[in-house]
N, C-alpha and C. Protein backbone atom coordinates (compact mmCIF):
# COMPACT_ATOMS: atom_id res chain seq x y z
N MET A 1 6.36 -18.36 23.82
CA MET A 1 6.14 -16.92 23.87
C MET A 1 5.59 -16.38 22.55
N LEU A 2 6.10 -16.88 21.41
CA LEU A 2 5.70 -16.34 20.12
C LEU A 2 4.20 -16.45 19.86
N PRO A 3 3.53 -17.54 20.28
CA PRO A 3 2.09 -17.60 20.04
C PRO A 3 1.31 -16.43 20.63
N SER A 4 1.84 -15.81 21.68
CA SER A 4 1.13 -14.67 22.28
C SER A 4 1.20 -13.43 21.40
N TYR A 5 2.04 -13.47 20.36
CA TYR A 5 2.16 -12.34 19.44
C TYR A 5 1.50 -12.64 18.09
N THR A 6 0.72 -13.68 18.01
CA THR A 6 0.02 -13.99 16.77
C THR A 6 -1.48 -13.83 16.95
N GLY A 7 -2.17 -13.74 15.82
CA GLY A 7 -3.60 -13.46 15.86
C GLY A 7 -3.84 -11.96 15.89
N THR A 8 -4.96 -11.55 16.39
CA THR A 8 -5.25 -10.12 16.56
C THR A 8 -4.73 -9.68 17.91
N ILE A 9 -3.74 -8.79 17.91
CA ILE A 9 -3.13 -8.34 19.15
C ILE A 9 -3.20 -6.82 19.24
N GLN A 10 -3.00 -6.30 20.43
CA GLN A 10 -2.93 -4.86 20.65
C GLN A 10 -1.47 -4.43 20.61
N GLN A 11 -1.19 -3.43 19.80
CA GLN A 11 0.20 -2.99 19.63
C GLN A 11 0.29 -1.47 19.74
N VAL A 12 1.25 -0.99 20.51
CA VAL A 12 1.51 0.44 20.60
C VAL A 12 2.52 0.82 19.52
N PRO A 13 2.16 1.69 18.58
CA PRO A 13 3.10 2.08 17.52
C PRO A 13 4.32 2.79 18.10
N PRO A 14 5.44 2.80 17.35
CA PRO A 14 6.63 3.50 17.84
C PRO A 14 6.43 5.01 17.84
N ARG A 15 7.15 5.70 18.70
CA ARG A 15 7.04 7.16 18.75
C ARG A 15 7.38 7.79 17.42
N TYR A 16 8.37 7.22 16.73
CA TYR A 16 8.78 7.77 15.44
C TYR A 16 7.97 7.08 14.33
N SER A 17 6.68 7.39 14.29
CA SER A 17 5.80 6.85 13.26
C SER A 17 5.06 8.01 12.61
N ALA A 18 4.37 7.70 11.52
CA ALA A 18 3.67 8.75 10.76
C ALA A 18 2.26 9.00 11.26
N ILE A 19 1.90 8.37 12.37
CA ILE A 19 0.56 8.56 12.92
C ILE A 19 0.38 10.01 13.36
N LYS A 20 -0.81 10.56 13.07
CA LYS A 20 -1.07 11.95 13.41
C LYS A 20 -1.66 12.07 14.81
N ILE A 21 -1.16 13.07 15.55
CA ILE A 21 -1.67 13.42 16.87
C ILE A 21 -2.05 14.88 16.83
N GLU A 22 -3.37 15.13 16.85
CA GLU A 22 -3.89 16.50 16.75
C GLU A 22 -3.31 17.21 15.54
N GLY A 23 -3.27 16.48 14.42
CA GLY A 23 -2.84 17.08 13.16
C GLY A 23 -1.34 17.05 12.89
N GLU A 24 -0.55 16.62 13.88
CA GLU A 24 0.91 16.58 13.72
C GLU A 24 1.39 15.13 13.67
N ARG A 25 2.41 14.88 12.83
CA ARG A 25 2.98 13.55 12.76
C ARG A 25 3.72 13.22 14.05
N ALA A 26 3.58 12.00 14.50
CA ALA A 26 4.22 11.60 15.76
C ALA A 26 5.73 11.77 15.69
N TYR A 27 6.33 11.45 14.51
CA TYR A 27 7.80 11.56 14.43
C TYR A 27 8.27 13.01 14.50
N ASP A 28 7.44 13.96 14.03
CA ASP A 28 7.82 15.37 14.14
C ASP A 28 7.80 15.81 15.60
N LEU A 29 6.78 15.39 16.32
CA LEU A 29 6.69 15.75 17.74
C LEU A 29 7.84 15.12 18.53
N ALA A 30 8.15 13.86 18.23
CA ALA A 30 9.22 13.17 18.95
C ALA A 30 10.57 13.84 18.67
N ARG A 31 10.79 14.25 17.42
CA ARG A 31 12.06 14.89 17.08
C ARG A 31 12.19 16.26 17.72
N ASP A 32 11.05 16.88 18.03
CA ASP A 32 11.07 18.18 18.71
C ASP A 32 11.21 18.02 20.22
N GLY A 33 11.33 16.78 20.69
CA GLY A 33 11.53 16.53 22.11
C GLY A 33 10.26 16.41 22.91
N GLU A 34 9.11 16.41 22.25
CA GLU A 34 7.85 16.30 22.97
C GLU A 34 7.58 14.84 23.34
N THR A 35 6.92 14.65 24.47
CA THR A 35 6.54 13.31 24.89
C THR A 35 5.31 12.87 24.10
N VAL A 36 5.46 11.77 23.38
CA VAL A 36 4.39 11.29 22.51
C VAL A 36 3.78 10.03 23.12
N GLU A 37 2.48 10.07 23.38
CA GLU A 37 1.78 8.91 23.92
C GLU A 37 0.82 8.41 22.85
N LEU A 38 1.08 7.22 22.34
CA LEU A 38 0.24 6.65 21.31
C LEU A 38 -0.62 5.53 21.89
N GLU A 39 -1.86 5.49 21.47
CA GLU A 39 -2.79 4.49 21.97
C GLU A 39 -2.56 3.15 21.27
N PRO A 40 -2.74 2.05 22.00
CA PRO A 40 -2.63 0.73 21.36
C PRO A 40 -3.68 0.58 20.27
N ARG A 41 -3.34 -0.18 19.25
CA ARG A 41 -4.28 -0.44 18.17
C ARG A 41 -4.23 -1.91 17.80
N ALA A 42 -5.33 -2.41 17.30
CA ALA A 42 -5.39 -3.82 16.93
C ALA A 42 -4.69 -4.06 15.60
N VAL A 43 -3.82 -5.05 15.55
CA VAL A 43 -3.15 -5.45 14.32
C VAL A 43 -3.26 -6.97 14.19
N GLN A 44 -3.11 -7.45 12.98
CA GLN A 44 -3.24 -8.88 12.72
C GLN A 44 -1.89 -9.47 12.32
N ILE A 45 -1.43 -10.46 13.07
CA ILE A 45 -0.20 -11.18 12.75
C ILE A 45 -0.58 -12.65 12.56
N SER A 46 -0.57 -13.08 11.31
CA SER A 46 -1.03 -14.44 10.98
C SER A 46 0.00 -15.49 11.34
N ARG A 47 1.28 -15.12 11.20
CA ARG A 47 2.33 -16.11 11.45
C ARG A 47 3.58 -15.41 11.94
N LEU A 48 4.25 -16.00 12.93
CA LEU A 48 5.50 -15.48 13.46
C LEU A 48 6.37 -16.66 13.85
N GLU A 49 7.48 -16.84 13.14
CA GLU A 49 8.32 -18.01 13.35
C GLU A 49 9.78 -17.60 13.56
N LEU A 50 10.46 -18.31 14.43
CA LEU A 50 11.90 -18.14 14.62
C LEU A 50 12.60 -19.01 13.58
N VAL A 51 13.36 -18.37 12.69
CA VAL A 51 14.00 -19.08 11.59
C VAL A 51 15.38 -19.59 11.99
N GLU A 52 16.18 -18.71 12.60
CA GLU A 52 17.51 -19.13 13.03
C GLU A 52 18.06 -18.15 14.06
N VAL A 53 19.10 -18.60 14.77
CA VAL A 53 19.82 -17.75 15.73
C VAL A 53 21.29 -17.80 15.33
N PRO A 54 21.73 -16.87 14.47
CA PRO A 54 23.10 -16.93 13.97
C PRO A 54 24.17 -16.69 15.03
N ASP A 55 23.84 -15.91 16.07
CA ASP A 55 24.78 -15.70 17.17
C ASP A 55 23.99 -15.27 18.41
N ALA A 56 24.71 -15.00 19.49
CA ALA A 56 24.05 -14.71 20.76
C ALA A 56 23.28 -13.39 20.75
N ASP A 57 23.59 -12.51 19.81
CA ASP A 57 22.96 -11.20 19.80
C ASP A 57 21.93 -11.02 18.70
N HIS A 58 21.72 -12.02 17.85
CA HIS A 58 20.80 -11.87 16.73
C HIS A 58 19.88 -13.09 16.61
N ALA A 59 18.67 -12.82 16.16
CA ALA A 59 17.71 -13.87 15.86
C ALA A 59 16.96 -13.46 14.60
N VAL A 60 16.70 -14.42 13.74
CA VAL A 60 16.00 -14.16 12.48
C VAL A 60 14.58 -14.71 12.59
N PHE A 61 13.61 -13.82 12.38
CA PHE A 61 12.20 -14.20 12.43
C PHE A 61 11.57 -14.00 11.06
N GLU A 62 10.51 -14.72 10.82
CA GLU A 62 9.70 -14.51 9.62
C GLU A 62 8.27 -14.29 10.07
N ALA A 63 7.68 -13.19 9.61
CA ALA A 63 6.33 -12.83 10.05
C ALA A 63 5.44 -12.59 8.85
N GLU A 64 4.20 -12.95 9.01
CA GLU A 64 3.16 -12.64 8.03
C GLU A 64 2.11 -11.81 8.75
N CYS A 65 1.99 -10.55 8.36
CA CYS A 65 1.15 -9.64 9.13
C CYS A 65 0.31 -8.76 8.23
N GLY A 66 -0.71 -8.15 8.81
CA GLY A 66 -1.60 -7.27 8.08
C GLY A 66 -1.10 -5.84 8.08
N LYS A 67 -1.80 -5.00 7.33
CA LYS A 67 -1.38 -3.60 7.23
C LYS A 67 -1.51 -2.92 8.58
N GLY A 68 -0.65 -1.94 8.81
CA GLY A 68 -0.68 -1.21 10.07
C GLY A 68 0.18 -1.81 11.15
N THR A 69 0.76 -3.00 10.87
CA THR A 69 1.62 -3.64 11.86
C THR A 69 3.01 -3.01 11.83
N TYR A 70 3.55 -2.68 12.98
CA TYR A 70 4.90 -2.12 13.08
C TYR A 70 5.84 -3.22 13.56
N VAL A 71 6.72 -3.68 12.68
CA VAL A 71 7.66 -4.73 13.04
C VAL A 71 8.64 -4.22 14.08
N ARG A 72 8.96 -2.94 14.04
CA ARG A 72 9.84 -2.35 15.07
C ARG A 72 9.23 -2.51 16.45
N SER A 73 7.90 -2.28 16.53
CA SER A 73 7.23 -2.43 17.82
C SER A 73 7.18 -3.88 18.24
N LEU A 74 7.07 -4.78 17.27
CA LEU A 74 7.05 -6.20 17.58
C LEU A 74 8.38 -6.62 18.20
N ALA A 75 9.49 -6.17 17.60
CA ALA A 75 10.82 -6.48 18.16
C ALA A 75 10.99 -5.85 19.54
N ARG A 76 10.51 -4.64 19.70
CA ARG A 76 10.58 -3.95 21.00
C ARG A 76 9.85 -4.75 22.08
N ASP A 77 8.63 -5.20 21.76
CA ASP A 77 7.81 -5.90 22.75
C ASP A 77 8.38 -7.28 23.08
N ILE A 78 8.92 -7.98 22.07
CA ILE A 78 9.53 -9.28 22.33
C ILE A 78 10.75 -9.11 23.23
N GLY A 79 11.54 -8.05 22.97
CA GLY A 79 12.71 -7.78 23.81
C GLY A 79 12.30 -7.52 25.25
N ARG A 80 11.24 -6.73 25.43
CA ARG A 80 10.77 -6.45 26.79
C ARG A 80 10.30 -7.72 27.48
N ASN A 81 9.63 -8.58 26.72
CA ASN A 81 9.15 -9.83 27.28
C ASN A 81 10.30 -10.72 27.74
N LEU A 82 11.43 -10.62 27.03
CA LEU A 82 12.61 -11.41 27.38
C LEU A 82 13.47 -10.74 28.44
N GLY A 83 13.10 -9.51 28.82
CA GLY A 83 13.86 -8.78 29.82
C GLY A 83 15.11 -8.14 29.27
N CYS A 84 15.09 -7.81 27.98
CA CYS A 84 16.26 -7.16 27.36
C CYS A 84 15.73 -6.15 26.34
N PHE A 85 16.64 -5.52 25.62
CA PHE A 85 16.25 -4.61 24.56
C PHE A 85 16.17 -5.37 23.25
N GLY A 86 15.26 -4.94 22.38
CA GLY A 86 15.14 -5.57 21.08
C GLY A 86 14.94 -4.52 20.01
N HIS A 87 15.60 -4.67 18.87
CA HIS A 87 15.41 -3.76 17.75
C HIS A 87 15.61 -4.52 16.44
N VAL A 88 15.14 -3.90 15.36
CA VAL A 88 15.25 -4.51 14.04
C VAL A 88 16.53 -4.03 13.37
N SER A 89 17.39 -4.95 12.98
CA SER A 89 18.63 -4.58 12.29
C SER A 89 18.49 -4.69 10.78
N ALA A 90 17.54 -5.47 10.29
CA ALA A 90 17.29 -5.60 8.86
C ALA A 90 15.85 -6.07 8.68
N LEU A 91 15.21 -5.58 7.61
CA LEU A 91 13.82 -5.93 7.38
C LEU A 91 13.59 -6.20 5.89
N PRO A 92 14.14 -7.29 5.35
CA PRO A 92 13.94 -7.60 3.93
C PRO A 92 12.54 -8.15 3.69
N PRO A 93 11.78 -7.58 2.74
CA PRO A 93 10.43 -8.09 2.47
C PRO A 93 10.49 -9.39 1.68
N VAL A 94 9.64 -10.31 2.04
CA VAL A 94 9.52 -11.57 1.30
C VAL A 94 8.35 -11.50 0.34
N ALA A 95 7.28 -10.86 0.77
CA ALA A 95 6.10 -10.68 -0.09
C ALA A 95 5.30 -9.50 0.43
N VAL A 96 4.74 -8.72 -0.50
CA VAL A 96 3.86 -7.61 -0.15
C VAL A 96 2.65 -7.71 -1.07
N GLY A 97 1.50 -8.09 -0.51
CA GLY A 97 0.31 -8.26 -1.34
C GLY A 97 0.57 -9.29 -2.43
N PRO A 98 0.31 -8.94 -3.70
CA PRO A 98 0.53 -9.88 -4.80
C PRO A 98 1.99 -9.97 -5.24
N PHE A 99 2.86 -9.17 -4.66
CA PHE A 99 4.26 -9.12 -5.08
C PHE A 99 5.10 -10.05 -4.21
N THR A 100 5.94 -10.85 -4.84
CA THR A 100 6.81 -11.79 -4.14
C THR A 100 8.26 -11.51 -4.50
N GLU A 101 9.16 -12.27 -3.90
CA GLU A 101 10.59 -12.10 -4.18
C GLU A 101 10.90 -12.27 -5.66
N ASN A 102 10.13 -13.11 -6.34
CA ASN A 102 10.37 -13.36 -7.76
C ASN A 102 10.05 -12.15 -8.63
N THR A 103 9.21 -11.24 -8.12
CA THR A 103 8.83 -10.07 -8.92
C THR A 103 9.44 -8.78 -8.39
N MET A 104 10.27 -8.88 -7.37
CA MET A 104 10.89 -7.69 -6.79
C MET A 104 12.29 -7.47 -7.37
N ILE A 105 12.69 -6.21 -7.44
CA ILE A 105 14.07 -5.87 -7.78
C ILE A 105 14.59 -4.92 -6.71
N SER A 106 15.88 -4.87 -6.58
CA SER A 106 16.48 -4.00 -5.56
C SER A 106 16.51 -2.56 -6.05
N LEU A 107 16.71 -1.64 -5.11
CA LEU A 107 16.83 -0.23 -5.46
C LEU A 107 18.03 -0.02 -6.38
N GLU A 108 19.11 -0.76 -6.13
CA GLU A 108 20.30 -0.64 -6.97
C GLU A 108 20.01 -1.05 -8.41
N GLN A 109 19.22 -2.14 -8.57
CA GLN A 109 18.86 -2.58 -9.91
C GLN A 109 17.98 -1.55 -10.61
N LEU A 110 17.05 -0.95 -9.87
CA LEU A 110 16.18 0.07 -10.45
C LEU A 110 16.99 1.28 -10.88
N GLU A 111 17.96 1.70 -10.05
CA GLU A 111 18.81 2.83 -10.40
C GLU A 111 19.62 2.54 -11.66
N ALA A 112 20.08 1.29 -11.79
CA ALA A 112 20.85 0.91 -12.97
C ALA A 112 19.98 1.00 -14.23
N VAL A 113 18.71 0.55 -14.13
CA VAL A 113 17.80 0.64 -15.26
C VAL A 113 17.55 2.10 -15.63
N CYS A 114 17.38 2.96 -14.61
CA CYS A 114 17.16 4.39 -14.86
C CYS A 114 18.34 5.01 -15.59
N HIS A 115 19.57 4.63 -15.20
CA HIS A 115 20.76 5.17 -15.86
C HIS A 115 20.81 4.71 -17.31
N ARG A 116 20.47 3.44 -17.57
CA ARG A 116 20.49 2.94 -18.95
C ARG A 116 19.39 3.59 -19.77
N ALA A 117 18.23 3.83 -19.12
CA ALA A 117 17.13 4.47 -19.84
C ALA A 117 17.49 5.91 -20.21
N ALA A 118 18.28 6.58 -19.36
CA ALA A 118 18.65 7.97 -19.62
C ALA A 118 19.51 8.11 -20.87
N VAL A 119 20.22 7.06 -21.22
CA VAL A 119 21.08 7.12 -22.41
C VAL A 119 20.50 6.29 -23.56
N GLY A 120 19.24 5.90 -23.41
CA GLY A 120 18.57 5.20 -24.48
C GLY A 120 18.90 3.73 -24.62
N GLU A 121 19.53 3.15 -23.61
CA GLU A 121 19.91 1.73 -23.70
C GLU A 121 18.87 0.79 -23.11
N ALA A 122 17.85 1.35 -22.45
CA ALA A 122 16.81 0.53 -21.84
C ALA A 122 15.57 1.39 -21.65
N SER A 123 14.49 0.75 -21.29
CA SER A 123 13.24 1.46 -21.01
C SER A 123 12.86 1.20 -19.56
N LEU A 124 12.45 2.26 -18.88
CA LEU A 124 12.05 2.11 -17.48
C LEU A 124 10.86 1.17 -17.36
N ALA A 125 10.04 1.10 -18.41
CA ALA A 125 8.87 0.22 -18.39
C ALA A 125 9.28 -1.25 -18.25
N ASP A 126 10.52 -1.57 -18.65
CA ASP A 126 10.98 -2.96 -18.53
C ASP A 126 11.08 -3.40 -17.08
N ALA A 127 11.23 -2.46 -16.15
CA ALA A 127 11.40 -2.79 -14.74
C ALA A 127 10.10 -2.63 -13.95
N LEU A 128 9.04 -2.20 -14.63
CA LEU A 128 7.80 -1.91 -13.93
C LEU A 128 6.71 -2.90 -14.32
N MET A 129 5.80 -3.16 -13.39
CA MET A 129 4.64 -3.99 -13.65
C MET A 129 3.42 -3.10 -13.81
N PRO A 130 2.39 -3.55 -14.52
CA PRO A 130 1.18 -2.74 -14.69
C PRO A 130 0.58 -2.34 -13.34
N VAL A 131 0.02 -1.15 -13.27
CA VAL A 131 -0.60 -0.68 -12.03
C VAL A 131 -1.68 -1.66 -11.58
N GLU A 132 -2.38 -2.26 -12.53
CA GLU A 132 -3.46 -3.18 -12.19
C GLU A 132 -2.98 -4.37 -11.36
N THR A 133 -1.69 -4.67 -11.43
CA THR A 133 -1.15 -5.79 -10.66
C THR A 133 -1.41 -5.61 -9.17
N ALA A 134 -1.36 -4.36 -8.71
CA ALA A 134 -1.57 -4.08 -7.29
C ALA A 134 -3.04 -3.99 -6.92
N LEU A 135 -3.92 -4.14 -7.92
CA LEU A 135 -5.35 -3.96 -7.67
C LEU A 135 -6.13 -5.26 -7.82
N ASP A 136 -5.41 -6.39 -7.75
CA ASP A 136 -6.05 -7.68 -7.97
C ASP A 136 -7.18 -7.97 -6.99
N ASP A 137 -7.09 -7.42 -5.79
CA ASP A 137 -8.11 -7.72 -4.77
C ASP A 137 -9.22 -6.67 -4.73
N ILE A 138 -9.25 -5.77 -5.74
CA ILE A 138 -10.28 -4.74 -5.81
C ILE A 138 -11.14 -5.01 -7.04
N PRO A 139 -12.48 -4.96 -6.91
CA PRO A 139 -13.34 -5.20 -8.07
C PRO A 139 -13.10 -4.17 -9.17
N ALA A 140 -13.21 -4.62 -10.43
CA ALA A 140 -13.05 -3.73 -11.58
C ALA A 140 -14.43 -3.35 -12.11
N LEU A 141 -14.54 -2.14 -12.64
CA LEU A 141 -15.80 -1.65 -13.18
C LEU A 141 -15.51 -0.89 -14.47
N ALA A 142 -16.09 -1.33 -15.58
CA ALA A 142 -15.89 -0.67 -16.87
C ALA A 142 -16.99 0.36 -17.09
N VAL A 143 -16.60 1.53 -17.63
CA VAL A 143 -17.56 2.59 -17.92
C VAL A 143 -17.42 3.04 -19.36
N SER A 144 -18.41 3.77 -19.83
CA SER A 144 -18.38 4.31 -21.20
C SER A 144 -17.39 5.47 -21.28
N ARG A 145 -17.06 5.86 -22.50
CA ARG A 145 -16.14 7.00 -22.66
C ARG A 145 -16.77 8.30 -22.17
N ALA A 146 -18.09 8.41 -22.30
CA ALA A 146 -18.76 9.62 -21.81
C ALA A 146 -18.63 9.71 -20.29
N ASP A 147 -18.86 8.59 -19.60
CA ASP A 147 -18.70 8.59 -18.14
C ASP A 147 -17.24 8.76 -17.76
N ALA A 148 -16.34 8.21 -18.60
CA ALA A 148 -14.90 8.35 -18.33
C ALA A 148 -14.50 9.82 -18.35
N ALA A 149 -15.07 10.58 -19.26
CA ALA A 149 -14.73 12.00 -19.36
C ALA A 149 -15.13 12.74 -18.09
N ARG A 150 -16.28 12.40 -17.53
CA ARG A 150 -16.73 13.05 -16.29
C ARG A 150 -15.82 12.65 -15.13
N LEU A 151 -15.53 11.37 -15.02
CA LEU A 151 -14.66 10.91 -13.94
C LEU A 151 -13.28 11.54 -14.05
N ALA A 152 -12.80 11.72 -15.28
CA ALA A 152 -11.49 12.32 -15.49
C ALA A 152 -11.42 13.74 -14.97
N ARG A 153 -12.56 14.41 -14.95
CA ARG A 153 -12.62 15.78 -14.43
C ARG A 153 -12.91 15.80 -12.93
N GLY A 154 -12.93 14.61 -12.31
CA GLY A 154 -13.17 14.54 -10.88
C GLY A 154 -14.63 14.58 -10.50
N GLN A 155 -15.52 14.41 -11.48
CA GLN A 155 -16.95 14.47 -11.22
C GLN A 155 -17.51 13.07 -10.97
N ALA A 156 -18.48 12.98 -10.11
CA ALA A 156 -19.12 11.71 -9.83
C ALA A 156 -20.03 11.31 -10.99
N VAL A 157 -20.26 10.01 -11.12
CA VAL A 157 -21.12 9.47 -12.17
C VAL A 157 -22.14 8.55 -11.53
N LEU A 158 -23.39 8.68 -11.92
CA LEU A 158 -24.46 7.82 -11.41
C LEU A 158 -24.86 6.84 -12.50
N LEU A 159 -24.67 5.57 -12.23
CA LEU A 159 -25.04 4.53 -13.19
C LEU A 159 -26.48 4.11 -12.91
N ARG A 160 -27.28 4.07 -13.96
CA ARG A 160 -28.67 3.70 -13.82
C ARG A 160 -28.98 2.47 -14.66
N GLY A 161 -30.13 1.89 -14.43
CA GLY A 161 -30.57 0.78 -15.25
C GLY A 161 -30.41 -0.56 -14.57
N ARG A 162 -30.86 -1.59 -15.26
CA ARG A 162 -30.88 -2.93 -14.69
C ARG A 162 -29.49 -3.46 -14.39
N ASP A 163 -28.51 -3.06 -15.21
CA ASP A 163 -27.16 -3.59 -15.05
C ASP A 163 -26.28 -2.75 -14.12
N ALA A 164 -26.83 -1.72 -13.51
CA ALA A 164 -26.05 -0.88 -12.61
C ALA A 164 -25.63 -1.70 -11.38
N PRO A 165 -24.37 -1.61 -10.94
CA PRO A 165 -23.90 -2.37 -9.78
C PRO A 165 -24.64 -1.93 -8.52
N ASN A 166 -24.96 -2.89 -7.67
CA ASN A 166 -25.73 -2.57 -6.46
C ASN A 166 -24.93 -2.80 -5.19
N PHE A 167 -23.59 -2.89 -5.29
CA PHE A 167 -22.76 -3.05 -4.10
C PHE A 167 -22.06 -1.74 -3.79
N ARG A 168 -21.36 -1.69 -2.69
CA ARG A 168 -20.64 -0.49 -2.31
C ARG A 168 -19.22 -0.86 -1.91
N GLY A 169 -18.31 0.11 -2.03
CA GLY A 169 -16.91 -0.12 -1.68
C GLY A 169 -15.98 0.46 -2.72
N THR A 170 -14.71 0.12 -2.57
CA THR A 170 -13.68 0.62 -3.48
C THR A 170 -13.65 -0.21 -4.75
N VAL A 171 -13.56 0.45 -5.90
CA VAL A 171 -13.43 -0.22 -7.20
C VAL A 171 -12.34 0.48 -8.00
N TYR A 172 -11.78 -0.24 -8.98
CA TYR A 172 -10.97 0.47 -9.95
C TYR A 172 -11.72 0.49 -11.26
N VAL A 173 -11.74 1.67 -11.87
CA VAL A 173 -12.57 1.94 -13.03
C VAL A 173 -11.72 1.88 -14.28
N THR A 174 -12.26 1.22 -15.32
CA THR A 174 -11.57 1.15 -16.60
C THR A 174 -12.46 1.73 -17.69
N ALA A 175 -11.82 2.19 -18.76
CA ALA A 175 -12.53 2.68 -19.94
C ALA A 175 -11.71 2.28 -21.15
N SER A 176 -12.33 1.63 -22.10
CA SER A 176 -11.64 1.15 -23.30
C SER A 176 -10.45 0.27 -22.94
N GLY A 177 -10.59 -0.49 -21.85
CA GLY A 177 -9.54 -1.40 -21.45
C GLY A 177 -8.40 -0.77 -20.69
N GLN A 178 -8.46 0.53 -20.43
CA GLN A 178 -7.39 1.25 -19.74
C GLN A 178 -7.83 1.61 -18.32
N LEU A 179 -6.89 1.52 -17.38
CA LEU A 179 -7.17 1.95 -16.01
C LEU A 179 -7.44 3.44 -15.99
N LEU A 180 -8.54 3.83 -15.38
CA LEU A 180 -8.94 5.23 -15.35
C LEU A 180 -8.84 5.85 -13.96
N ALA A 181 -9.36 5.13 -12.94
CA ALA A 181 -9.42 5.76 -11.62
C ALA A 181 -9.66 4.72 -10.54
N LEU A 182 -9.29 5.08 -9.32
CA LEU A 182 -9.76 4.40 -8.12
C LEU A 182 -10.94 5.21 -7.61
N ALA A 183 -12.01 4.53 -7.24
CA ALA A 183 -13.22 5.25 -6.87
C ALA A 183 -13.98 4.51 -5.79
N GLU A 184 -14.91 5.22 -5.17
CA GLU A 184 -15.83 4.63 -4.22
C GLU A 184 -17.19 4.49 -4.89
N LEU A 185 -17.77 3.31 -4.78
CA LEU A 185 -19.07 3.03 -5.38
C LEU A 185 -20.10 2.85 -4.29
N ASP A 186 -21.21 3.54 -4.40
CA ASP A 186 -22.28 3.43 -3.41
C ASP A 186 -23.61 3.61 -4.11
N ARG A 187 -24.39 2.53 -4.18
CA ARG A 187 -25.72 2.54 -4.78
C ARG A 187 -25.71 3.13 -6.19
N GLY A 188 -24.73 2.69 -6.97
CA GLY A 188 -24.67 3.09 -8.37
C GLY A 188 -23.90 4.37 -8.64
N GLU A 189 -23.52 5.10 -7.60
CA GLU A 189 -22.78 6.35 -7.80
C GLU A 189 -21.28 6.08 -7.67
N ILE A 190 -20.53 6.50 -8.68
CA ILE A 190 -19.07 6.35 -8.68
C ILE A 190 -18.45 7.69 -8.33
N VAL A 191 -17.70 7.74 -7.24
CA VAL A 191 -17.03 8.96 -6.81
C VAL A 191 -15.53 8.75 -6.95
N PRO A 192 -14.88 9.42 -7.92
CA PRO A 192 -13.44 9.20 -8.13
C PRO A 192 -12.61 9.72 -6.97
N LYS A 193 -11.61 8.91 -6.54
CA LYS A 193 -10.71 9.31 -5.48
C LYS A 193 -9.29 9.56 -6.00
N ARG A 194 -8.89 8.83 -7.02
CA ARG A 194 -7.57 9.01 -7.62
C ARG A 194 -7.69 8.72 -9.12
N VAL A 195 -7.41 9.71 -9.94
CA VAL A 195 -7.54 9.58 -11.39
C VAL A 195 -6.17 9.38 -12.01
N PHE A 196 -6.09 8.47 -12.99
CA PHE A 196 -4.84 8.18 -13.68
C PHE A 196 -4.93 8.63 -15.14
N ASN A 197 -3.79 8.89 -15.74
CA ASN A 197 -3.74 9.16 -17.18
C ASN A 197 -2.55 8.39 -17.73
N LEU A 198 -2.73 7.08 -17.84
CA LEU A 198 -1.61 6.19 -18.17
C LEU A 198 -1.31 6.13 -19.65
N ALA A 199 -2.29 6.46 -20.49
CA ALA A 199 -2.05 6.33 -21.93
C ALA A 199 -2.71 7.45 -22.71
N GLY A 200 -2.82 8.63 -22.09
CA GLY A 200 -3.45 9.74 -22.79
C GLY A 200 -4.95 9.60 -22.94
N LEU A 201 -5.52 8.62 -22.24
CA LEU A 201 -6.95 8.36 -22.37
C LEU A 201 -7.79 9.54 -21.90
N LEU A 202 -7.36 10.16 -20.78
CA LEU A 202 -8.19 11.21 -20.21
C LEU A 202 -8.24 12.44 -21.10
N GLY A 203 -7.10 12.75 -21.71
CA GLY A 203 -7.09 13.92 -22.58
C GLY A 203 -8.01 13.73 -23.77
N SER A 204 -7.98 12.53 -24.38
CA SER A 204 -8.83 12.30 -25.54
C SER A 204 -10.29 12.18 -25.14
N ALA A 205 -10.56 11.69 -23.93
CA ALA A 205 -11.95 11.54 -23.51
C ALA A 205 -12.54 12.86 -23.08
N GLY A 206 -11.72 13.78 -22.60
CA GLY A 206 -12.26 15.00 -22.04
C GLY A 206 -12.05 16.21 -22.92
N THR A 207 -11.55 16.04 -24.14
CA THR A 207 -11.26 17.17 -25.01
C THR A 207 -12.09 17.07 -26.29
N LYS A 208 -12.70 18.15 -26.68
CA LYS A 208 -13.45 18.20 -27.93
C LYS A 208 -12.74 19.14 -28.89
N LYS A 209 -12.72 18.74 -30.13
CA LYS A 209 -12.15 19.61 -31.17
C LYS A 209 -13.24 20.51 -31.71
N GLY A 210 -12.92 21.81 -31.88
CA GLY A 210 -13.90 22.74 -32.39
C GLY A 210 -13.56 23.21 -33.78
């Protein structure tokens, strides 16, 4: 049965999801008692394995899936296929993108670090990884400080010349070695979508002393 749930499959999201229906979140409509009909969507499940059956009412699975996959819906559909009800009782992540169990900490550990940081016994930075860690699969693009100042103000920048990039898609932009923005690149034009100010770079790049 499990092979039928791997590969590219059609999945109906749960009623209590953040998907928008005519501008409203599905979970808001469901909580208001409205009947929510969600269309099936294609999701990718690369691997789905039965790990163990600790008792007659529980089974432990391990799945490797793409974004947009609802594990709750997966449990629901497997239960229906078996002629019973199915739900998720626990969903511990093993890996998310470049992050693995070795680089994860629990919410309790993070709260403990925050408490120690509040009294000067620790730094919150000790529990955090650089933002760039999550951008490993996105091309990087370095710009001059002049272009950085424009991007910092939310303005697009057009790169010209022989060395101007000729591809399109999402990039993360750096200036002076610092992460500056997530942007869309199309035929040399950089359009900022999310601007960061991680080290005061934007203020110094966009401010002139008179």
